[in-house]
Amino acid sequence: MARRTIPSTGALLSASPLREAVAVHGRAAVKAAIHTAQADARAGLVSGAEVPGAVLAALERLGAQPVLNATGVLIHTNLGRAPLPAPARAALLAASGWTDVEFDLATGRRAPRGRGALAALGALVPDAGAVHVVNNNAAALLLCALALAPGREIVISRGELVEIGDGFRIPALLESGGARLREVGTTNRTTARDYLSAIGPDTAFVLKVHPSNFRVEGFTSAASVASLAGCGVPVVVDIGSGLLTPDPLLPDEPDATTALRAGAALVTASGDKLLGGPQAGLLLGSADLIGTLRRHPAARALRAGKLVLAALEATLRAPSPVLAMLSADVTSLERRAVALAAGMSDAEVVESIAVVGGGAAPGVRVPSRAVSLPERFAAPLRAHRVVGRIESGRCLLDLRTVDPADDHALARAVLAVAAPCR
């Protein structure tokens, strides 16, 4: 290709729409994309006329890419776990500028950080004497170890020494905070007596961890929170998934309110799972213990930022999108699937099974409906930011995890790839 057909960097930067792209992505990022496209043109991979489009396409791929989750996994860790409700998205935008995160507009003085989010969380779980928010649930557990158990023992069941993903393990997390673990019971059975016989002068607290990403079936038993509540040391319960109150759709999933009423001194949970909020660690329980955690020096390192606090507050005041997906009527899912598959010879509506995911409600299988396409559709659909799942040699688009408002966008993506796939 003649080099004279390749637009110069200056010409590209001065022309619309790349001129406007500089304001969005920054001059350095735009120039880097231009140089890459020019190199591709010199190598004959694109024509000179295609260089501006190649630059724009590269810029669109910068940052997190929004996708449609058609996998049937409600809390998909690889896709960012829970989708935020609309009020939380609006709150993020509002909080992106100046905000009163630590300022009282009435008095003109400094105010408690994130007081709106804390008030909203406390209102939903009135059994908690106080609440606190850190940047994720692992941070909540780490803060408990740092503040309550440095150089002391945490009593925990062997069946609850879980790995939480990406190679991180609860025992290593707690030990990194200076605590020692006292393991009790066995993998499949741990009784209240096992805990009580291990408690001594060096015990900081008893820890109950919900093994949320696996199940042990058969000859099993576990001590209840109530059976440990009078053991003489605080009982800390990591419920994991962030369910604040009992939900009839998830009868076996632990929740913060029930744990506190059973005698837990502290409950830790995630904000971005069943609650449907941003990544956050929730701490609920005794006012004295929450105060100790909040005053620990590490609390500053683990604190939530203004964007998290704004999104969390809005989430706490809005219906959970995860629970809305979970409760969607199968009849409505089938009607949507039929509409999406209409007019496509390669598509059919099939029964599907959705799961909660994200380490929540293991074993819960939720009846759903999906549009089944040939497996060859999967890759081009991902290029259109639609993620389905491969099952039995077919690409399934499960509508339980697709917001009805996104049905048109999903249909457009399927139609866009249908002709090339034939």
Foldseek 3Di string as FASTA:
>chain_A
DDLVLADDPVVLCVDPPNVVVCVVPNPVLLSVLLVVLSVCCVVVNDPNVCSSVSSVVVSQPPDDDAFFEQALAQQDVVNQGFAFPPQLVVLLVVLVDDDLQQADPVVRDGHDGLPLLQVLLCVLQVLFPGKAKFQALLVVLLLCLQLQAAQFEEEEEPLQQDAQDPRRTSQVSSVVSRHHYDYFDDNFEDELVRRLVPDDPRYREYEAEDQLQDDDDDPHDDYALLSCQPSPHAYEYELEQAAADDDPLQNPRDHNNVNSVSRHQKYWYFCCAQLRFHGMIMITHDPVSVVSSCPDPCCVVGHDDSSRSSSSSSSSVDDHPSVVLQPDDQVVQQVLLCVLCPPAPQKDKDKDWHHHDPSHRPPDTGIFIWIKGAPLLQVQLVVLRYHYDADPRITTRTCSSGDPVCSVVSSVSCVVCRVVSD
